[in-house]
């Protein structure tokens, strides 16, 4: 796994504080072991389709806050976003 020509490690997270914190911790531990070719999949990104739905708006805002809080971490590796369907 430490041979970057042969392997890529893919971390998967939701846009929530606890899963992003865990992905960040895991990335750091793997870097310390020499596993440096990593990607992050942000799975299940929620986007409200009804601006008057306060619960949906709150869910979207919470995810946006988490992504903002972890912006520095997210800049450190390639990120693929997968929307919630």
Protein backbone atom coordinates (compact mmCIF):
# COMPACT_ATOMS: atom_id res chain seq x y z
CA UNK A 1 0.00 0.00 0.00
CA UNK A 2 2.94 2.34 0.33
CA UNK A 3 3.79 2.03 -3.38
CA UNK A 4 1.94 4.99 -4.89
CA UNK A 5 2.34 3.59 -8.37
CA UNK A 6 0.30 0.52 -7.43
CA UNK A 7 -2.32 1.65 -4.94
CA UNK A 8 -4.67 4.43 -3.97
CA UNK A 9 -6.48 4.45 -0.67
CA UNK A 10 -10.02 5.80 -0.79
CA UNK A 11 -11.55 7.29 2.33
CA UNK A 12 -15.34 7.65 2.42
CA UNK A 13 -17.21 10.13 4.60
CA UNK A 14 -20.48 11.92 4.99
CA UNK A 15 -20.51 15.72 5.21
CA UNK A 16 -20.86 15.56 8.99
CA UNK A 17 -18.45 16.53 11.74
CA UNK A 18 -17.81 13.12 13.33
CA UNK A 19 -17.24 11.20 10.06
CA UNK A 20 -15.02 13.98 8.69
CA UNK A 21 -13.01 14.02 11.91
CA UNK A 22 -12.55 10.24 11.61
CA UNK A 23 -11.50 10.52 7.95
CA UNK A 24 -8.97 13.21 8.87
CA UNK A 25 -7.57 11.11 11.72
CA UNK A 26 -7.35 8.05 9.47
CA UNK A 27 -5.60 10.06 6.73
CA UNK A 28 -2.99 11.30 9.21
CA UNK A 29 -2.35 7.81 10.60
CA UNK A 30 -1.98 6.36 7.11
CA UNK A 31 0.38 9.16 6.07
CA UNK A 32 2.54 8.30 9.08
CA UNK A 33 2.69 4.72 7.77
CA UNK A 34 3.73 5.88 4.30
CA UNK A 35 0.35 5.56 2.59
CA UNK A 36 0.25 8.90 0.84
CA UNK A 37 -1.85 8.39 -2.27
CA UNK A 38 -5.31 9.01 -0.88
CA UNK A 39 -8.66 10.27 -2.14
CA UNK A 40 -11.84 11.20 -0.31
CA UNK A 41 -15.39 10.38 -1.36
CA UNK A 42 -18.03 12.64 0.20
CA UNK A 43 -21.05 10.39 0.05
CA UNK A 44 -24.70 11.35 0.34
CA UNK A 45 -24.42 15.14 0.01
CA UNK A 46 -27.86 16.57 0.73
CA UNK A 47 -29.23 19.54 -1.18
CA UNK A 48 -32.65 20.85 -0.28
CA UNK A 49 -35.03 21.15 -3.21
CA UNK A 50 -37.66 23.12 -1.25
CA UNK A 51 -36.53 26.47 0.11
CA UNK A 52 -39.51 26.56 2.47
CA UNK A 53 -38.72 23.24 4.12
CA UNK A 54 -36.99 24.35 7.33
CA UNK A 55 -35.83 20.87 8.29
CA UNK A 56 -34.24 20.27 4.88
CA UNK A 57 -32.64 23.73 4.98
CA UNK A 58 -31.21 22.97 8.43
CA UNK A 59 -29.82 19.63 7.23
CA UNK A 60 -28.16 21.30 4.26
CA UNK A 61 -26.75 24.10 6.42
CA UNK A 62 -25.32 21.61 8.92
CA UNK A 63 -23.50 19.76 6.14
CA UNK A 64 -22.20 23.03 4.70
CA UNK A 65 -20.89 24.03 8.16
CA UNK A 66 -19.09 20.72 8.54
CA UNK A 67 -17.46 21.13 5.13
CA UNK A 68 -16.42 24.68 6.01
CA UNK A 69 -15.00 23.53 9.35
CA UNK A 70 -12.91 20.87 7.57
CA UNK A 71 -11.97 23.01 4.53
CA UNK A 72 -8.24 22.77 5.24
CA UNK A 73 -8.41 18.97 5.44
CA UNK A 74 -10.49 18.82 2.24
CA UNK A 75 -7.87 20.84 0.35
CA UNK A 76 -5.20 18.24 1.18
CA UNK A 77 -6.50 15.50 -1.09
CA UNK A 78 -8.66 14.93 -4.17
CA UNK A 79 -12.36 14.92 -3.25
CA UNK A 80 -15.26 13.40 -5.15
CA UNK A 81 -18.77 14.45 -4.15
CA UNK A 82 -21.70 12.07 -4.52
CA UNK A 83 -25.16 13.58 -3.99
CA UNK A 84 -27.86 11.96 -1.91
CA UNK A 85 -30.46 10.39 -4.19
